[in-house]
PDB file of N, CA and C in Angstrom:
ATOM      1  N   MET A   1     -23.179   9.974   1.280  1.00  0.00           N
ATOM      2  CA  MET A   1     -22.468   9.156   0.317  1.00  0.00           C
ATOM      3  C   MET A   1     -21.140   8.676   0.885  1.00  0.00           C
ATOM      4  N   THR A   2     -20.404   9.575   1.501  1.00  0.00           N
ATOM      5  CA  THR A   2     -19.104   9.164   2.023  1.00  0.00           C
ATOM      6  C   THR A   2     -19.246   8.241   3.227  1.00  0.00           C
ATOM      7  N   GLU A   3     -20.330   8.399   3.981  1.00  0.00           N
ATOM      8  CA  GLU A   3     -20.538   7.499   5.114  1.00  0.00           C
ATOM      9  C   GLU A   3     -20.802   6.078   4.633  1.00  0.00           C
ATOM     10  N   ALA A   4     -21.571   5.944   3.566  1.00  0.00           N
ATOM     11  CA  ALA A   4     -21.822   4.617   2.997  1.00  0.00           C
ATOM     12  C   ALA A   4     -20.533   4.009   2.456  1.00  0.00           C
ATOM     13  N   LEU A   5     -19.698   4.829   1.834  1.00  0.00           N
ATOM     14  CA  LEU A   5     -18.404   4.360   1.336  1.00  0.00           C
ATOM     15  C   LEU A   5     -17.510   3.902   2.480  1.00  0.00           C
ATOM     16  N   ASN A   6     -17.487   4.655   3.559  1.00  0.00           N
ATOM     17  CA  ASN A   6     -16.670   4.279   4.717  1.00  0.00           C
ATOM     18  C   ASN A   6     -17.146   2.962   5.335  1.00  0.00           C
ATOM     19  N   VAL A   7     -18.446   2.769   5.414  1.00  0.00           N
ATOM     20  CA  VAL A   7     -18.984   1.522   5.961  1.00  0.00           C
ATOM     21  C   VAL A   7     -18.610   0.355   5.055  1.00  0.00           C
ATOM     22  N   MET A   8     -18.714   0.534   3.743  1.00  0.00           N
ATOM     23  CA  MET A   8     -18.341  -0.529   2.809  1.00  0.00           C
ATOM     24  C   MET A   8     -16.854  -0.855   2.899  1.00  0.00           C
ATOM     25  N   LEU A   9     -16.023   0.170   3.029  1.00  0.00           N
ATOM     26  CA  LEU A   9     -14.589  -0.063   3.161  1.00  0.00           C
ATOM     27  C   LEU A   9     -14.258  -0.815   4.443  1.00  0.00           C
ATOM     28  N   LEU A  10     -14.895  -0.446   5.529  1.00  0.00           N
ATOM     29  CA  LEU A  10     -14.656  -1.145   6.792  1.00  0.00           C
ATOM     30  C   LEU A  10     -15.127  -2.593   6.750  1.00  0.00           C
ATOM     31  N   LEU A  11     -16.261  -2.838   6.127  1.00  0.00           N
ATOM     32  CA  LEU A  11     -16.740  -4.212   5.991  1.00  0.00           C
ATOM     33  C   LEU A  11     -15.786  -5.044   5.132  1.00  0.00           C
ATOM     34  N   PHE A  12     -15.316  -4.466   4.031  1.00  0.00           N
ATOM     35  CA  PHE A  12     -14.364  -5.171   3.180  1.00  0.00           C
ATOM     36  C   PHE A  12     -13.054  -5.412   3.918  1.00  0.00           C
ATOM     37  N   LEU A  13     -12.651  -4.469   4.747  1.00  0.00           N
ATOM     38  CA  LEU A  13     -11.433  -4.626   5.542  1.00  0.00           C
ATOM     39  C   LEU A  13     -11.571  -5.792   6.523  1.00  0.00           C
ATOM     40  N   ILE A  14     -12.709  -5.893   7.172  1.00  0.00           N
ATOM     41  CA  ILE A  14     -12.950  -6.991   8.118  1.00  0.00           C
ATOM     42  C   ILE A  14     -12.977  -8.331   7.387  1.00  0.00           C
ATOM     43  N   VAL A  15     -13.616  -8.363   6.229  1.00  0.00           N
ATOM     44  CA  VAL A  15     -13.672  -9.604   5.447  1.00  0.00           C
ATOM     45  C   VAL A  15     -12.269 -10.026   5.013  1.00  0.00           C
ATOM     46  N   CYS A  16     -11.468  -9.073   4.557  1.00  0.00           N
ATOM     47  CA  CYS A  16     -10.085  -9.385   4.156  1.00  0.00           C
ATOM     48  C   CYS A  16      -9.281  -9.923   5.331  1.00  0.00           C
ATOM     49  N   ALA A  17      -9.415  -9.316   6.482  1.00  0.00           N
ATOM     50  CA  ALA A  17      -8.654  -9.756   7.653  1.00  0.00           C
ATOM     51  C   ALA A  17      -9.040 -11.169   8.063  1.00  0.00           C
ATOM     52  N   VAL A  18     -10.330 -11.466   8.068  1.00  0.00           N
ATOM     53  CA  VAL A  18     -10.778 -12.812   8.436  1.00  0.00           C
ATOM     54  C   VAL A  18     -10.317 -13.835   7.398  1.00  0.00           C
ATOM     55  N   CYS A  19     -10.407 -13.482   6.124  1.00  0.00           N
ATOM     56  CA  CYS A  19      -9.983 -14.409   5.074  1.00  0.00           C
ATOM     57  C   CYS A  19      -8.481 -14.669   5.116  1.00  0.00           C
ATOM     58  N   VAL A  20      -7.690 -13.651   5.390  1.00  0.00           N
ATOM     59  CA  VAL A  20      -6.238 -13.844   5.499  1.00  0.00           C
ATOM     60  C   VAL A  20      -5.920 -14.803   6.642  1.00  0.00           C
ATOM     61  N   ALA A  21      -6.629 -14.694   7.729  1.00  0.00           N
ATOM     62  CA  ALA A  21      -6.370 -15.563   8.875  1.00  0.00           C
ATOM     63  C   ALA A  21      -6.843 -16.997   8.631  1.00  0.00           C
ATOM     64  N   ARG A  22      -7.861 -17.191   7.801  1.00  0.00           N
ATOM     65  CA  ARG A  22      -8.452 -18.517   7.635  1.00  0.00           C
ATOM     66  C   ARG A  22      -7.968 -19.281   6.410  1.00  0.00           C
ATOM     67  N   ILE A  23      -7.417 -18.571   5.409  1.00  0.00           N
ATOM     68  CA  ILE A  23      -7.061 -19.231   4.151  1.00  0.00           C
ATOM     69  C   ILE A  23      -5.798 -20.070   4.334  1.00  0.00           C
ATOM     70  N   ARG A  24      -5.726 -21.182   3.609  1.00  0.00           N
ATOM     71  CA  ARG A  24      -4.608 -22.099   3.778  1.00  0.00           C
ATOM     72  C   ARG A  24      -3.525 -21.912   2.713  1.00  0.00           C
ATOM     73  N   ASP A  25      -3.871 -21.394   1.550  1.00  0.00           N
ATOM     74  CA  ASP A  25      -2.890 -21.176   0.493  1.00  0.00           C
ATOM     75  C   ASP A  25      -2.133 -19.878   0.759  1.00  0.00           C
ATOM     76  N   MET A  26      -0.813 -19.980   0.828  1.00  0.00           N
ATOM     77  CA  MET A  26      -0.002 -18.823   1.217  1.00  0.00           C
ATOM     78  C   MET A  26      -0.052 -17.702   0.185  1.00  0.00           C
ATOM     79  N   LEU A  27       0.004 -18.029  -1.096  1.00  0.00           N
ATOM     80  CA  LEU A  27      -0.016 -16.988  -2.120  1.00  0.00           C
ATOM     81  C   LEU A  27      -1.344 -16.232  -2.103  1.00  0.00           C
ATOM     82  N   SER A  28      -2.426 -16.945  -1.923  1.00  0.00           N
ATOM     83  CA  SER A  28      -3.734 -16.284  -1.817  1.00  0.00           C
ATOM     84  C   SER A  28      -3.796 -15.392  -0.583  1.00  0.00           C
ATOM     85  N   ALA A  29      -3.191 -15.843   0.505  1.00  0.00           N
ATOM     86  CA  ALA A  29      -3.165 -15.028   1.724  1.00  0.00           C
ATOM     87  C   ALA A  29      -2.372 -13.749   1.508  1.00  0.00           C
ATOM     88  N   VAL A  30      -1.269 -13.832   0.770  1.00  0.00           N
ATOM     89  CA  VAL A  30      -0.464 -12.636   0.495  1.00  0.00           C
ATOM     90  C   VAL A  30      -1.236 -11.659  -0.384  1.00  0.00           C
ATOM     91  N   ILE A  31      -1.957 -12.175  -1.370  1.00  0.00           N
ATOM     92  CA  ILE A  31      -2.750 -11.302  -2.241  1.00  0.00           C
ATOM     93  C   ILE A  31      -3.857 -10.615  -1.440  1.00  0.00           C
ATOM     94  N   LEU A  32      -4.507 -11.363  -0.561  1.00  0.00           N
ATOM     95  CA  LEU A  32      -5.533 -10.756   0.292  1.00  0.00           C
ATOM     96  C   LEU A  32      -4.923  -9.736   1.254  1.00  0.00           C
ATOM     97  N   PHE A  33      -3.719 -10.032   1.745  1.00  0.00           N
ATOM     98  CA  PHE A  33      -3.032  -9.095   2.634  1.00  0.00           C
ATOM     99  C   PHE A  33      -2.697  -7.797   1.895  1.00  0.00           C
ATOM    100  N   ALA A  34      -2.330  -7.895   0.620  1.00  0.00           N
ATOM    101  CA  ALA A  34      -2.065  -6.701  -0.181  1.00  0.00           C
ATOM    102  C   ALA A  34      -3.337  -5.881  -0.367  1.00  0.00           C
ATOM    103  N   SER A  35      -4.459  -6.556  -0.604  1.00  0.00           N
ATOM    104  CA  SER A  35      -5.717  -5.816  -0.732  1.00  0.00           C
ATOM    105  C   SER A  35      -6.113  -5.174   0.595  1.00  0.00           C
ATOM    106  N   PHE A  36      -5.794  -5.849   1.713  1.00  0.00           N
ATOM    107  CA  PHE A  36      -6.019  -5.271   3.033  1.00  0.00           C
ATOM    108  C   PHE A  36      -5.230  -3.958   3.170  1.00  0.00           C
ATOM    109  N   GLY A  37      -3.973  -3.967   2.748  1.00  0.00           N
ATOM    110  CA  GLY A  37      -3.152  -2.758   2.828  1.00  0.00           C
ATOM    111  C   GLY A  37      -3.678  -1.631   1.957  1.00  0.00           C
ATOM    112  N   LEU A  38      -4.159  -1.969   0.771  1.00  0.00           N
ATOM    113  CA  LEU A  38      -4.709  -0.927  -0.103  1.00  0.00           C
ATOM    114  C   LEU A  38      -5.981  -0.321   0.481  1.00  0.00           C
ATOM    115  N   ILE A  39      -6.831  -1.154   1.048  1.00  0.00           N
ATOM    116  CA  ILE A  39      -8.051  -0.636   1.678  1.00  0.00           C
ATOM    117  C   ILE A  39      -7.690   0.242   2.871  1.00  0.00           C
ATOM    118  N   MET A  40      -6.678  -0.174   3.644  1.00  0.00           N
ATOM    119  CA  MET A  40      -6.234   0.660   4.768  1.00  0.00           C
ATOM    120  C   MET A  40      -5.719   2.006   4.285  1.00  0.00           C
ATOM    121  N   ALA A  41      -5.004   2.012   3.163  1.00  0.00           N
ATOM    122  CA  ALA A  41      -4.511   3.276   2.613  1.00  0.00           C
ATOM    123  C   ALA A  41      -5.677   4.181   2.208  1.00  0.00           C
ATOM    124  N   ILE A  42      -6.709   3.608   1.625  1.00  0.00           N
ATOM    125  CA  ILE A  42      -7.882   4.401   1.252  1.00  0.00           C
ATOM    126  C   ILE A  42      -8.575   4.942   2.492  1.00  0.00           C
ATOM    127  N   ILE A  43      -8.667   4.126   3.530  1.00  0.00           N
ATOM    128  CA  ILE A  43      -9.299   4.582   4.775  1.00  0.00           C
ATOM    129  C   ILE A  43      -8.491   5.710   5.398  1.00  0.00           C
ATOM    130  N   TRP A  44      -7.166   5.593   5.403  1.00  0.00           N
ATOM    131  CA  TRP A  44      -6.336   6.677   5.945  1.00  0.00           C
ATOM    132  C   TRP A  44      -6.532   7.958   5.138  1.00  0.00           C
ATOM    133  N   GLN A  45      -6.689   7.814   3.831  1.00  0.00           N
ATOM    134  CA  GLN A  45      -6.936   8.997   2.996  1.00  0.00           C
ATOM    135  C   GLN A  45      -8.288   9.625   3.347  1.00  0.00           C
ATOM    136  N   GLN A  46      -9.294   8.788   3.580  1.00  0.00           N
ATOM    137  CA  GLN A  46     -10.611   9.301   3.965  1.00  0.00           C
ATOM    138  C   GLN A  46     -10.566  10.013   5.315  1.00  0.00           C
ATOM    139  N   LEU A  47      -9.637   9.613   6.179  1.00  0.00           N
ATOM    140  CA  LEU A  47      -9.494  10.235   7.497  1.00  0.00           C
ATOM    141  C   LEU A  47      -8.591  11.470   7.467  1.00  0.00           C
ATOM    142  N   SER A  48      -8.288  11.947   6.273  1.00  0.00           N
ATOM    143  CA  SER A  48      -7.467  13.153   6.062  1.00  0.00           C
ATOM    144  C   SER A  48      -6.056  12.998   6.612  1.00  0.00           C
ATOM    145  N   ALA A  49      -5.471  11.843   6.362  1.00  0.00           N
ATOM    146  CA  ALA A  49      -4.083  11.581   6.738  1.00  0.00           C
ATOM    147  C   ALA A  49      -3.332  11.077   5.503  1.00  0.00           C
ATOM    148  N   PRO A  50      -3.056  11.974   4.541  1.00  0.00           N
ATOM    149  CA  PRO A  50      -2.444  11.514   3.284  1.00  0.00           C
ATOM    150  C   PRO A  50      -1.024  10.982   3.464  1.00  0.00           C
ATOM    151  N   ASP A  51      -0.292  11.493   4.437  1.00  0.00           N
ATOM    152  CA  ASP A  51       1.066  11.000   4.652  1.00  0.00           C
ATOM    153  C   ASP A  51       1.053   9.544   5.134  1.00  0.00           C
ATOM    154  N   VAL A  52       0.152   9.236   6.041  1.00  0.00           N
ATOM    155  CA  VAL A  52       0.031   7.863   6.531  1.00  0.00           C
ATOM    156  C   VAL A  52      -0.484   6.951   5.410  1.00  0.00           C
ATOM    157  N   ALA A  53      -1.386   7.463   4.582  1.00  0.00           N
ATOM    158  CA  ALA A  53      -1.917   6.681   3.469  1.00  0.00           C
ATOM    159  C   ALA A  53      -0.819   6.334   2.467  1.00  0.00           C
ATOM    160  N   MET A  54       0.062   7.288   2.188  1.00  0.00           N
ATOM    161  CA  MET A  54       1.159   7.030   1.239  1.00  0.00           C
ATOM    162  C   MET A  54       2.125   5.999   1.788  1.00  0.00           C
ATOM    163  N   VAL A  55       2.437   6.091   3.074  1.00  0.00           N
ATOM    164  CA  VAL A  55       3.347   5.116   3.687  1.00  0.00           C
ATOM    165  C   VAL A  55       2.700   3.739   3.718  1.00  0.00           C
ATOM    166  N   GLU A  56       1.436   3.666   4.038  1.00  0.00           N
ATOM    167  CA  GLU A  56       0.727   2.383   4.054  1.00  0.00           C
ATOM    168  C   GLU A  56       0.711   1.762   2.666  1.00  0.00           C
ATOM    169  N   ALA A  57       0.464   2.575   1.652  1.00  0.00           N
ATOM    170  CA  ALA A  57       0.430   2.054   0.286  1.00  0.00           C
ATOM    171  C   ALA A  57       1.815   1.601  -0.167  1.00  0.00           C
ATOM    172  N   ALA A  58       2.834   2.357   0.178  1.00  0.00           N
ATOM    173  CA  ALA A  58       4.181   2.021  -0.288  1.00  0.00           C
ATOM    174  C   ALA A  58       4.781   0.855   0.474  1.00  0.00           C
ATOM    175  N   ILE A  59       4.760   0.925   1.776  1.00  0.00           N
ATOM    176  CA  ILE A  59       5.418  -0.105   2.587  1.00  0.00           C
ATOM    177  C   ILE A  59       4.458  -1.247   2.898  1.00  0.00           C
ATOM    178  N   GLY A  60       3.287  -0.916   3.403  1.00  0.00           N
ATOM    179  CA  GLY A  60       2.348  -1.945   3.817  1.00  0.00           C
ATOM    180  C   GLY A  60       1.870  -2.814   2.677  1.00  0.00           C
ATOM    181  N   THR A  61       1.699  -2.233   1.514  1.00  0.00           N
ATOM    182  CA  THR A  61       1.222  -3.002   0.380  1.00  0.00           C
ATOM    183  C   THR A  61       2.360  -3.410  -0.546  1.00  0.00           C
ATOM    184  N   GLY A  62       3.172  -2.457  -0.941  1.00  0.00           N
ATOM    185  CA  GLY A  62       4.200  -2.732  -1.943  1.00  0.00           C
ATOM    186  C   GLY A  62       5.356  -3.578  -1.469  1.00  0.00           C
ATOM    187  N   VAL A  63       6.114  -3.074  -0.525  1.00  0.00           N
ATOM    188  CA  VAL A  63       7.339  -3.738  -0.082  1.00  0.00           C
ATOM    189  C   VAL A  63       7.033  -5.051   0.634  1.00  0.00           C
ATOM    190  N   THR A  64       6.056  -5.029   1.517  1.00  0.00           N
ATOM    191  CA  THR A  64       5.724  -6.242   2.268  1.00  0.00           C
ATOM    192  C   THR A  64       5.240  -7.344   1.339  1.00  0.00           C
ATOM    193  N   THR A  65       4.428  -7.007   0.354  1.00  0.00           N
ATOM    194  CA  THR A  65       3.940  -8.005  -0.587  1.00  0.00           C
ATOM    195  C   THR A  65       5.084  -8.602  -1.390  1.00  0.00           C
ATOM    196  N   LEU A  66       5.997  -7.761  -1.849  1.00  0.00           N
ATOM    197  CA  LEU A  66       7.152  -8.278  -2.593  1.00  0.00           C
ATOM    198  C   LEU A  66       8.010  -9.204  -1.742  1.00  0.00           C
ATOM    199  N   LEU A  67       8.243  -8.843  -0.496  1.00  0.00           N
ATOM    200  CA  LEU A  67       9.038  -9.700   0.384  1.00  0.00           C
ATOM    201  C   LEU A  67       8.346 -11.030   0.665  1.00  0.00           C
ATOM    202  N   LEU A  68       7.058 -10.996   0.894  1.00  0.00           N
ATOM    203  CA  LEU A  68       6.329 -12.229   1.161  1.00  0.00           C
ATOM    204  C   LEU A  68       6.264 -13.133  -0.068  1.00  0.00           C
ATOM    205  N   VAL A  69       6.076 -12.558  -1.253  1.00  0.00           N
ATOM    206  CA  VAL A  69       6.069 -13.361  -2.482  1.00  0.00           C
ATOM    207  C   VAL A  69       7.449 -13.958  -2.729  1.00  0.00           C
ATOM    208  N   ALA A  70       8.506 -13.198  -2.464  1.00  0.00           N
ATOM    209  CA  ALA A  70       9.860 -13.730  -2.616  1.00  0.00           C
ATOM    210  C   ALA A  70      10.107 -14.885  -1.648  1.00  0.00           C
ATOM    211  N   ALA A  71       9.609 -14.761  -0.437  1.00  0.00           N
ATOM    212  CA  ALA A  71       9.779 -15.844   0.554  1.00  0.00           C
ATOM    213  C   ALA A  71       8.984 -17.079   0.132  1.00  0.00           C
ATOM    214  N   ILE A  72       7.797 -16.887  -0.406  1.00  0.00           N
ATOM    215  CA  ILE A  72       6.999 -18.021  -0.845  1.00  0.00           C
ATOM    216  C   ILE A  72       7.655 -18.711  -2.049  1.00  0.00           C
ATOM    217  N   SER A  73       8.282 -17.926  -2.925  1.00  0.00           N
ATOM    218  CA  SER A  73       8.920 -18.534  -4.100  1.00  0.00           C
ATOM    219  C   SER A  73      10.117 -19.398  -3.713  1.00  0.00           C
ATOM    220  N   LYS A  74      10.686 -19.191  -2.557  1.00  0.00           N
ATOM    221  CA  LYS A  74      11.829 -19.990  -2.088  1.00  0.00           C
ATOM    222  C   LYS A  74      11.393 -21.303  -1.441  1.00  0.00           C
ATOM    223  N   THR A  75      10.111 -21.449  -1.178  1.00  0.00           N
ATOM    224  CA  THR A  75       9.621 -22.664  -0.535  1.00  0.00           C
ATOM    225  C   THR A  75       8.873 -23.514  -1.538  1.00  0.00           C
ATOM    226  N   ARG A  76       8.642 -24.780  -1.179  1.00  0.00           N
ATOM    227  CA  ARG A  76       7.867 -25.657  -2.035  1.00  0.00           C
ATOM    228  C   ARG A  76       6.396 -25.475  -1.723  1.00  0.00           C
ATOM    229  N   ARG A  77       5.593 -25.583  -2.735  1.00  0.00           N
ATOM    230  CA  ARG A  77       4.156 -25.394  -2.582  1.00  0.00           C
ATOM    231  C   ARG A  77       3.473 -26.748  -2.559  1.00  0.00           C
ATOM    232  N   THR A  78       2.807 -27.047  -1.484  1.00  0.00           N
ATOM    233  CA  THR A  78       2.092 -28.316  -1.383  1.00  0.00           C
ATOM    234  C   THR A  78       0.605 -28.041  -1.199  1.00  0.00           C
ATOM    235  N   GLU A  79      -0.193 -28.886  -1.758  1.00  0.00           N
ATOM    236  CA  GLU A  79      -1.654 -28.748  -1.639  1.00  0.00           C
ATOM    237  C   GLU A  79      -2.158 -29.682  -0.562  1.00  0.00           C
TER     238      GLU A  79
END
Protein backbone atom coordinates (compact mmCIF):
# COMPACT_ATOMS: atom_id res chain seq x y z
CA MET A 1 0.00 0.00 0.00
CA THR A 2 2.70 2.48 0.90
CA GLU A 3 4.68 1.63 -2.22
CA ALA A 4 1.67 2.48 -4.39
CA LEU A 5 1.25 5.74 -2.46
CA ASN A 6 4.91 6.62 -2.97
CA VAL A 7 4.66 5.96 -6.71
CA MET A 8 1.54 8.14 -6.95
CA LEU A 9 3.23 10.94 -5.01
CA LEU A 10 6.30 10.82 -7.24
CA LEU A 11 4.19 10.87 -10.39
CA PHE A 12 2.20 13.85 -9.09
CA LEU A 13 5.47 15.56 -8.18
CA ILE A 14 6.80 15.12 -11.72
CA VAL A 15 3.54 16.38 -13.22
CA CYS A 16 3.61 19.46 -10.96
CA ALA A 17 7.22 20.23 -11.88
CA VAL A 18 6.54 19.96 -15.61
CA CYS A 19 3.38 22.07 -15.34
CA VAL A 20 5.16 24.79 -13.35
CA ALA A 21 7.83 25.00 -16.04
CA ARG A 22 5.34 25.07 -18.94
CA ILE A 23 2.46 27.22 -17.63
CA ARG A 24 2.32 30.84 -18.74
CA ASP A 25 0.09 32.35 -16.02
CA MET A 26 2.25 33.36 -13.06
CA LEU A 27 -0.41 32.96 -10.36
CA SER A 28 -1.23 29.45 -11.57
CA ALA A 29 2.48 28.63 -11.57
CA VAL A 30 2.79 29.80 -7.96
CA ILE A 31 -0.19 27.68 -6.91
CA LEU A 32 1.31 24.64 -8.63
CA PHE A 33 4.66 25.41 -7.00
CA ALA A 34 2.94 25.43 -3.59
CA SER A 35 1.40 22.03 -4.31
CA PHE A 36 4.86 20.83 -5.36
CA GLY A 37 6.19 21.89 -1.95
CA LEU A 38 3.39 20.14 -0.09
CA ILE A 39 3.95 16.91 -2.00
CA MET A 40 7.68 17.18 -1.24
CA ALA A 41 6.86 17.58 2.45
CA ILE A 42 4.73 14.44 2.34
CA ILE A 43 7.52 12.55 0.58
CA TRP A 44 10.05 13.67 3.20
CA GLN A 45 7.66 12.46 5.89
CA GLN A 46 7.37 9.08 4.13
CA LEU A 47 11.18 8.89 4.12
CA SER A 48 11.20 9.26 7.93
CA ALA A 49 12.61 12.78 7.93
CA PRO A 50 9.99 14.78 9.86
CA ASP A 51 12.31 17.71 10.53
CA VAL A 52 12.99 18.20 6.82
CA ALA A 53 9.27 17.76 6.09
CA MET A 54 8.34 20.51 8.56
CA VAL A 55 10.90 22.91 7.10
CA GLU A 56 9.75 22.14 3.55
CA ALA A 57 6.13 22.73 4.51
CA ALA A 58 6.86 25.95 6.38
CA ILE A 59 9.45 27.60 4.16
CA GLY A 60 9.13 25.83 0.84
CA THR A 61 5.37 26.07 0.71
CA GLY A 62 4.31 28.80 3.11
CA VAL A 63 6.85 31.60 3.03
CA THR A 64 7.91 31.19 -0.59
CA THR A 65 4.30 31.16 -1.80
CA LEU A 66 3.49 34.32 0.15
CA LEU A 67 6.54 36.11 -1.24
CA LEU A 68 5.78 35.08 -4.81
CA VAL A 69 2.11 36.11 -4.53
CA ALA A 70 3.19 39.47 -3.08
CA ALA A 71 5.60 39.97 -5.99
CA ILE A 72 2.90 39.08 -8.51
CA SER A 73 0.45 41.52 -6.89
CA LYS A 74 2.96 44.35 -7.50
CA THR A 75 3.05 43.67 -11.23
CA ARG A 76 0.42 44.09 -13.93
CA ARG A 77 -1.27 40.97 -15.18
CA THR A 78 -1.51 40.62 -18.93
CA GLU A 79 -3.11 37.79 -20.88
